[in-house]
Amino acid sequence: MFSATVGQTLRTYRTRSGRSAGDIAQAAGISARQYEALESGTGWPGNQAFAAAVDALQIPAEARSRSGLNFCGRPLGTAIAATLKGFTVPAIVVDHAWRIVGANQEATKLLPELGQPGWSLLRWILCSSEARRRLVNAADVAGTFAAVLREALALTPSDPDLRSLYEEIGSDLRARGAAEVPDVDGLDLVWRMDSGPYQMVSLFVSVPTRRPDLRQIALHIEPLLLPGQDLDSAQWSEAVLTGIAHCAVCWSAMVYEWGPVYRCPRDCFTPVVASVLEEEVAQRLLPHVYTDGALAGLARLQEVLVACGSEPAMPAPVSLQHALYQWRHQMPMSTRRELVAGWVARVAVGRGGPASASGLVLDLQWFPGL
């Protein structure tokens, strides 16, 4: 993952000396895993381990300078700073423990803390309640970053920040980290916005040339469009129960979001899968809409329309079961929305108590006269 220049330089001096990687690690007083990470570019074992390896290889001072090996502890170079500034997307530079070293202006617009040198993105993802509020897929992201923490601590076991963070996250997250692959490159964060469509923030990781102790992260952002969202304007058209479904605990209007699910904005209970809630509403609504008299009237209307040469977009249902089938398989979201909005003023949604098979408790309030 990091610049091959440093790894190849170490490997070149080692092979010239005729020694194995294990020999160099032993001479440097570091583990074989730490030294192999330096040569292979699979991780950064810390400045002290790197300096010890360079000393064990007996690389002359002049060669160290010429090969760019004197970077430890230095600030960002002008080339890295210019690259960071030149990104048109949010971009940051972090150290091996995911502490902020630099960030461009676009990154601070996404999350202001990214502009604070030394601020730990790793700690934010693993421990912050704000991360859990902001990231729809916070649990999945935390699992991956717990694995990142595990790997970073294996290479730099003396880092006090990493050690305290590992203790802080608790046994459940540590267990998840042990089972996950610590691959952040290409990881998607589903970013919950305060208004408008949510965003898919994809992380792309690279290593600046001659700075294997750092990681450069570009955050590519795309609007996350769900069923019911217009692609051109990137504005929500109304989902089936937008403005109709309310939390039965706090009476807040439930939010339609990635999943797709309906969620109480105060998180009074776990989000409800959108298709499950909409199906429950349909089971209660359609018997009111498609009575025997209504079905007979629709059949007569369809006969007249066909005789006049007009083909209905969807055939009239012949029974209540047929109407349910159309709802599930043929009826566009906009039609379902119109049907619900024409009959139901509000749906109070809760969990527990005398519930349906789905575990939901619903109270439909009909418009007067219906």
Protein backbone atom coordinates (compact mmCIF):
# COMPACT_ATOMS: atom_id res chain seq x y z
CA MET A 1 0.00 0.00 0.00
CA PHE A 2 2.90 2.46 0.41
CA SER A 3 5.62 3.80 -1.84
CA ALA A 4 7.72 1.00 -3.26
CA THR A 5 10.75 3.32 -3.19
CA VAL A 6 11.30 2.89 0.56
CA GLY A 7 10.54 -0.82 0.60
CA GLN A 8 12.77 -1.51 -2.38
CA THR A 9 15.59 0.52 -0.86
CA LEU A 10 15.52 -1.56 2.30
CA ARG A 11 15.31 -4.79 0.32
CA THR A 12 18.22 -3.76 -1.89
CA TYR A 13 20.53 -3.07 1.07
CA ARG A 14 19.45 -6.29 2.78
CA THR A 15 20.08 -8.53 -0.24
CA ARG A 16 23.48 -6.86 -0.77
CA SER A 17 24.40 -7.77 2.80
CA GLY A 18 23.35 -11.38 2.25
CA ARG A 19 21.09 -11.38 5.28
CA SER A 20 17.49 -12.54 5.62
CA ALA A 21 14.56 -10.41 6.73
CA GLY A 22 14.62 -12.30 10.03
CA ASP A 23 18.29 -11.42 10.52
CA ILE A 24 17.59 -7.70 10.05
CA ALA A 25 14.57 -7.81 12.35
CA GLN A 26 16.63 -9.48 15.06
CA ALA A 27 19.46 -6.99 14.68
CA ALA A 28 17.00 -4.09 14.83
CA GLY A 29 15.20 -5.49 17.87
CA ILE A 30 11.84 -5.57 16.12
CA SER A 31 9.57 -8.42 15.09
CA ALA A 32 9.84 -10.16 11.75
CA ARG A 33 6.30 -9.02 11.01
CA GLN A 34 7.27 -5.38 11.56
CA TYR A 35 10.26 -5.60 9.25
CA GLU A 36 8.36 -7.51 6.57
CA ALA A 37 5.69 -4.78 6.67
CA LEU A 38 8.37 -2.21 5.87
CA GLU A 39 9.70 -4.12 2.87
CA SER A 40 6.36 -5.27 1.52
CA GLY A 41 4.44 -2.05 2.17
CA THR A 42 1.62 -3.77 4.03
CA GLY A 43 1.76 -1.45 7.03
CA TRP A 44 3.75 1.02 9.08
CA PRO A 45 5.38 -0.26 12.30
CA GLY A 46 6.24 3.20 13.61
CA ASN A 47 9.14 5.63 13.36
CA GLN A 48 11.30 3.87 15.96
CA ALA A 49 11.02 0.49 14.25
CA PHE A 50 11.84 2.07 10.88
CA ALA A 51 14.87 3.91 12.27
CA ALA A 52 16.10 0.71 13.94
CA ALA A 53 15.77 -1.21 10.66
CA VAL A 54 17.70 1.45 8.75
CA ASP A 55 20.45 1.34 11.38
CA ALA A 56 20.56 -2.48 11.28
CA LEU A 57 21.02 -2.31 7.51
CA GLN A 58 23.95 0.08 8.03
CA ILE A 59 22.75 2.47 5.35
CA PRO A 60 25.17 5.44 5.16
CA ALA A 61 23.85 8.89 6.10
CA GLU A 62 24.38 10.24 2.60
CA ALA A 63 22.47 7.32 1.08
CA ARG A 64 19.66 7.82 3.56
CA SER A 65 19.25 11.42 2.44
CA ARG A 66 19.57 10.56 -1.24
CA SER A 67 17.02 7.75 -1.00
CA GLY A 68 14.51 9.84 0.93
CA LEU A 69 14.76 7.87 4.17
CA ASN A 70 14.94 10.90 6.49
CA PHE A 71 11.22 11.66 6.50
CA CYS A 72 10.23 10.52 10.00
CA GLY A 73 8.68 13.28 12.09
CA ARG A 74 8.73 15.83 9.28
CA PRO A 75 5.65 17.88 8.30
CA LEU A 76 3.88 17.43 4.98
CA GLY A 77 6.09 18.32 2.06
CA THR A 78 5.07 20.92 -0.48
CA ALA A 79 4.27 18.26 -3.06
CA ILE A 80 1.84 16.42 -0.75
CA ALA A 81 0.27 19.68 0.42
CA ALA A 82 -0.20 20.80 -3.18
CA THR A 83 -1.75 17.46 -4.13
CA LEU A 84 -4.11 17.65 -1.17
CA LYS A 85 -5.19 21.16 -2.07
CA GLY A 86 -5.65 20.21 -5.72
CA PHE A 87 -8.28 17.55 -5.01
CA THR A 88 -11.76 18.63 -6.07
CA VAL A 89 -13.25 16.08 -3.66
CA PRO A 90 -12.74 15.90 0.12
CA ALA A 91 -9.26 14.58 0.86
CA ILE A 92 -7.23 14.03 4.01
CA VAL A 93 -3.81 12.75 5.05
CA VAL A 94 -3.59 10.59 8.17
CA ASP A 95 -0.82 8.81 10.06
CA HIS A 96 -0.68 5.07 10.79
CA ALA A 97 -3.22 5.52 13.62
CA TRP A 98 -5.62 7.51 11.43
CA ARG A 99 -4.85 10.80 13.16
CA ILE A 100 -5.31 13.82 10.92
CA VAL A 101 -2.12 15.29 9.46
CA GLY A 102 -3.72 17.46 6.78
CA ALA A 103 -7.04 18.06 5.03
CA ASN A 104 -8.37 20.18 2.20
CA GLN A 105 -11.26 22.62 2.49
CA GLU A 106 -13.76 20.23 0.94
CA ALA A 107 -13.08 17.70 3.70
CA THR A 108 -13.90 20.19 6.45
CA LYS A 109 -17.22 20.91 4.76
CA LEU A 110 -18.12 17.23 5.12
CA LEU A 111 -16.92 17.01 8.73
CA PRO A 112 -15.32 20.06 10.42
CA GLU A 113 -13.18 17.92 12.74
CA LEU A 114 -11.20 16.69 9.72
CA GLY A 115 -9.47 20.08 9.73
CA GLN A 116 -8.00 19.52 13.22
CA PRO A 117 -4.44 18.07 13.15
CA GLY A 118 -4.15 15.14 15.53
CA TRP A 119 -7.88 14.44 15.58
CA SER A 120 -8.49 10.68 15.37
CA LEU A 121 -10.85 9.55 12.63
CA LEU A 122 -10.39 6.00 13.89
CA ARG A 123 -11.63 6.92 17.37
CA TRP A 124 -14.56 8.87 15.92
CA ILE A 125 -15.76 5.91 13.87
CA LEU A 126 -15.33 3.38 16.67
CA CYS A 127 -16.52 5.36 19.70
CA SER A 128 -18.45 8.50 18.77
CA SER A 129 -22.23 8.69 19.08
CA GLU A 130 -22.09 11.34 16.36
CA ALA A 131 -20.60 8.74 13.98
CA ARG A 132 -23.47 6.38 14.77
CA ARG A 133 -25.92 9.20 14.07
CA ARG A 134 -24.20 10.31 10.89
CA LEU A 135 -23.42 6.93 9.32
CA VAL A 136 -26.38 4.79 8.33
CA ASN A 137 -24.07 1.75 8.06
CA ALA A 138 -22.10 2.67 11.18
CA ALA A 139 -21.99 -0.90 12.52
CA ASP A 140 -20.46 -2.32 9.34
CA VAL A 141 -17.95 0.52 9.07
CA ALA A 142 -16.98 0.12 12.73
CA GLY A 143 -16.31 -3.59 12.16
CA THR A 144 -13.89 -2.82 9.35
CA PHE A 145 -12.12 -0.10 11.33
CA ALA A 146 -11.89 -2.38 14.38
CA ALA A 147 -9.86 -4.67 12.12
CA VAL A 148 -7.75 -1.65 11.08
CA LEU A 149 -7.12 -0.94 14.76
CA ARG A 150 -6.15 -4.55 15.38
CA GLU A 151 -3.59 -4.49 12.56
CA ALA A 152 -2.19 -1.08 13.53
CA LEU A 153 -1.76 -2.20 17.13
CA ALA A 154 -0.05 -5.43 16.02
CA LEU A 155 2.56 -3.36 14.19
CA THR A 156 2.88 -0.56 16.78
CA PRO A 157 2.00 -2.21 20.11
CA SER A 158 3.56 0.60 22.14
CA ASP A 159 1.38 3.37 20.67
CA PRO A 160 -0.55 4.69 23.71
CA ASP A 161 -3.45 6.06 21.67
CA LEU A 162 -4.03 2.74 19.95
CA ARG A 163 -3.72 0.78 23.18
CA SER A 164 -6.25 2.94 25.03
CA LEU A 165 -8.63 2.89 22.07
CA TYR A 166 -8.44 -0.91 21.89
CA GLU A 167 -9.45 -1.14 25.55
CA GLU A 168 -12.18 1.45 25.10
CA ILE A 169 -14.07 -0.23 22.27
CA GLY A 170 -15.07 -3.25 24.33
CA SER A 171 -15.02 -6.99 23.75
CA ASP A 172 -17.85 -7.18 21.18
CA LEU A 173 -16.20 -4.77 18.76
CA ARG A 174 -12.80 -6.32 19.37
CA ALA A 175 -14.28 -9.69 18.41
CA ARG A 176 -15.73 -8.21 15.23
CA GLY A 177 -12.38 -6.68 14.39
CA ALA A 178 -10.70 -10.04 14.79
CA ALA A 179 -13.05 -11.54 12.20
CA GLU A 180 -13.03 -8.67 9.67
CA VAL A 181 -10.53 -7.88 6.90
CA PRO A 182 -8.86 -4.48 7.52
CA ASP A 183 -9.38 -3.27 3.96
CA VAL A 184 -10.55 0.35 3.87
CA ASP A 185 -9.69 1.07 0.23
CA GLY A 186 -13.03 1.28 -1.60
CA LEU A 187 -15.08 1.22 1.61
CA ASP A 188 -18.47 2.95 1.32
CA LEU A 189 -19.88 5.14 4.08
CA VAL A 190 -23.60 5.90 3.82
CA TRP A 191 -23.69 9.48 5.07
CA ARG A 192 -26.92 10.69 6.66
CA MET A 193 -27.59 14.32 5.63
CA ASP A 194 -29.72 16.73 7.65
CA SER A 195 -31.76 17.47 4.53
CA GLY A 196 -32.03 16.20 0.96
CA PRO A 197 -30.70 12.86 -0.29
CA TYR A 198 -28.12 10.94 1.70
CA GLN A 199 -24.62 10.55 0.27
CA MET A 200 -22.42 7.59 -0.56
CA VAL A 201 -18.91 8.51 0.60
CA SER A 202 -16.36 6.09 -0.88
CA LEU A 203 -12.85 5.98 0.61
CA PHE A 204 -9.88 5.53 -1.72
CA VAL A 205 -6.53 5.05 0.00
CA SER A 206 -3.08 5.72 -1.40
CA VAL A 207 0.36 6.39 0.04
CA PRO A 208 2.22 9.60 -0.79
CA THR A 209 5.52 9.10 -2.56
CA ARG A 210 8.40 8.80 -0.07
CA ARG A 211 6.05 9.00 2.92
CA PRO A 212 5.15 5.40 3.82
CA ASP A 213 4.23 6.60 7.32
CA LEU A 214 1.19 8.44 5.95
CA ARG A 215 -2.02 7.57 4.12
CA GLN A 216 -3.80 9.86 1.68
CA ILE A 217 -7.58 9.36 1.61
CA ALA A 218 -9.78 10.71 -1.17
CA LEU A 219 -13.48 10.73 -0.32
CA HIS A 220 -15.60 10.49 -3.46
CA ILE A 221 -19.20 11.53 -2.87
CA GLU A 222 -22.32 10.65 -4.84
CA PRO A 223 -25.96 11.32 -3.91
CA LEU A 224 -27.59 8.10 -2.76
CA LEU A 225 -30.82 7.82 -4.76
CA LEU A 226 -33.51 5.45 -3.59
CA PRO A 227 -36.86 4.42 -5.06
CA GLY A 228 -38.98 7.54 -4.96
CA GLN A 229 -36.15 9.98 -5.61
CA ASP A 230 -35.81 12.03 -8.78
CA LEU A 231 -32.38 11.62 -10.40
CA ASP A 232 -32.23 15.02 -12.15
CA SER A 233 -33.17 17.28 -9.28
CA ALA A 234 -31.82 14.99 -6.53
CA GLN A 235 -34.90 15.82 -4.48
CA TRP A 236 -37.15 13.30 -2.80
CA SER A 237 -40.45 12.64 -4.43
CA GLU A 238 -42.69 11.34 -1.70
CA ALA A 239 -42.33 7.73 -0.67
CA VAL A 240 -45.53 5.81 0.02
CA LEU A 241 -45.77 6.80 3.69
CA THR A 242 -43.78 10.05 3.79
CA GLY A 243 -45.60 12.47 6.08
CA ILE A 244 -48.15 9.78 6.92
CA ALA A 245 -46.16 7.32 9.06
CA HIS A 246 -45.49 8.67 12.56
CA CYS A 247 -43.74 7.18 15.57
CA ALA A 248 -46.33 6.03 18.11
CA VAL A 249 -43.94 6.93 20.94
CA CYS A 250 -42.87 10.51 20.19
CA TRP A 251 -45.29 11.27 17.29
CA SER A 252 -42.46 12.47 15.05
CA ALA A 253 -42.89 11.90 11.33
CA MET A 254 -40.86 8.87 10.31
CA VAL A 255 -38.02 9.37 7.82
CA TYR A 256 -37.66 7.29 4.65
CA GLU A 257 -34.00 6.48 4.17
CA TRP A 258 -31.36 4.07 2.91
CA GLY A 259 -32.27 0.41 3.27
CA PRO A 260 -34.91 1.41 2.39
CA VAL A 261 -36.44 1.79 5.84
CA TYR A 262 -38.71 4.11 7.78
CA ARG A 263 -36.93 5.45 10.88
CA CYS A 264 -38.08 7.49 13.86
CA PRO A 265 -35.79 10.57 13.88
CA ARG A 266 -35.45 10.16 17.65
CA ASP A 267 -34.69 6.44 17.32
CA CYS A 268 -37.49 5.40 19.68
CA PHE A 269 -37.25 1.92 18.16
CA THR A 270 -35.28 0.16 15.45
CA PRO A 271 -35.98 1.20 11.84
CA VAL A 272 -38.76 -0.63 10.02
CA VAL A 273 -38.12 -2.19 6.62
CA ALA A 274 -40.10 -0.05 4.16
CA SER A 275 -41.67 -2.95 2.27
CA VAL A 276 -42.83 -4.58 5.52
CA LEU A 277 -44.51 -1.42 6.85
CA GLU A 278 -46.09 -0.60 3.49
CA GLU A 279 -47.40 -4.17 3.22
CA GLU A 280 -48.97 -3.92 6.69
CA VAL A 281 -50.67 -0.67 5.71
CA ALA A 282 -51.91 -2.21 2.45
CA GLN A 283 -53.40 -5.19 4.33
CA ARG A 284 -55.51 -2.74 6.33
CA LEU A 285 -56.19 -0.18 3.60
CA LEU A 286 -57.18 -2.24 0.57
CA PRO A 287 -60.25 -3.90 2.15
CA HIS A 288 -61.62 -0.37 2.72
CA VAL A 289 -60.88 0.68 -0.86
CA TYR A 290 -61.81 -2.44 -2.82
CA THR A 291 -65.19 -3.41 -1.44
CA ASP A 292 -67.46 -5.64 -3.52
CA GLY A 293 -69.32 -2.56 -4.74
CA ALA A 294 -66.12 -0.74 -5.67
CA LEU A 295 -64.79 -3.77 -7.56
CA ALA A 296 -68.04 -4.04 -9.55
CA GLY A 297 -67.95 -0.33 -10.37
CA LEU A 298 -64.33 -0.52 -11.55
CA ALA A 299 -65.17 -3.49 -13.78
CA ARG A 300 -67.97 -1.52 -15.45
CA LEU A 301 -65.73 1.55 -15.88
CA GLN A 302 -62.99 -0.57 -17.45
CA GLU A 303 -65.51 -2.12 -19.88
CA VAL A 304 -66.61 1.35 -21.02
CA LEU A 305 -63.04 2.59 -21.43
CA VAL A 306 -62.01 -0.42 -23.48
CA ALA A 307 -65.10 -0.05 -25.70
CA CYS A 308 -64.06 3.56 -26.35
CA GLY A 309 -60.57 2.45 -27.41
CA SER A 310 -58.77 3.46 -24.21
CA GLU A 311 -56.48 0.84 -22.70
CA PRO A 312 -56.04 1.23 -18.89
CA ALA A 313 -52.44 1.36 -17.68
CA MET A 314 -53.32 -1.42 -15.23
CA PRO A 315 -56.41 -3.65 -15.36
CA ALA A 316 -59.01 -3.17 -12.66
CA PRO A 317 -58.65 -5.76 -9.88
CA VAL A 318 -61.26 -8.49 -9.90
CA SER A 319 -60.95 -9.30 -6.20
CA LEU A 320 -59.29 -8.10 -3.03
CA GLN A 321 -56.51 -10.68 -3.46
CA HIS A 322 -55.97 -9.42 -7.00
CA ALA A 323 -55.65 -5.87 -5.63
CA LEU A 324 -53.05 -7.03 -3.11
CA TYR A 325 -51.13 -8.76 -5.89
CA GLN A 326 -51.16 -5.56 -7.95
CA TRP A 327 -49.94 -3.56 -4.94
CA ARG A 328 -47.01 -5.92 -4.43
CA HIS A 329 -45.97 -6.52 -8.01
CA GLN A 330 -47.46 -4.04 -10.48
CA MET A 331 -48.45 -0.79 -8.82
CA PRO A 332 -45.87 2.03 -9.16
CA MET A 333 -44.79 3.80 -5.98
CA SER A 334 -46.53 7.00 -7.09
CA THR A 335 -49.85 5.13 -7.49
CA ARG A 336 -49.50 3.47 -4.10
CA ARG A 337 -48.70 6.85 -2.60
CA GLU A 338 -51.82 8.43 -4.14
CA LEU A 339 -53.95 5.56 -2.91
CA VAL A 340 -52.69 5.82 0.69
CA ALA A 341 -52.73 9.62 0.77
CA GLY A 342 -56.34 9.70 -0.44
CA TRP A 343 -57.60 7.54 2.42
CA VAL A 344 -55.20 7.64 5.37
CA ALA A 345 -54.49 10.78 7.36
CA ARG A 346 -51.85 9.21 9.60
CA VAL A 347 -50.37 5.85 10.56
CA ALA A 348 -49.02 5.54 14.10
CA VAL A 349 -46.22 2.94 14.08
CA GLY A 350 -44.89 1.11 17.12
CA ARG A 351 -43.38 -2.19 18.21
CA GLY A 352 -44.46 -4.67 20.88
CA GLY A 353 -47.80 -5.37 22.52
CA PRO A 354 -50.59 -7.09 20.56
CA ALA A 355 -48.76 -7.00 17.26
CA SER A 356 -48.98 -8.59 13.85
CA ALA A 357 -46.64 -11.30 12.61
CA SER A 358 -44.19 -8.56 11.61
CA GLY A 359 -43.95 -7.33 15.19
CA LEU A 360 -45.49 -3.96 14.34
CA VAL A 361 -48.39 -2.22 16.02
CA LEU A 362 -50.24 0.12 13.64
CA ASP A 363 -53.07 2.58 14.20
CA LEU A 364 -54.52 3.96 10.95
CA GLN A 365 -56.43 7.23 11.17
CA TRP A 366 -58.77 7.62 8.23
CA PHE A 367 -59.85 10.87 6.67
CA PRO A 368 -63.31 11.96 7.90
CA GLY A 369 -66.14 10.29 6.00
CA LEU A 370 -64.04 7.38 4.73
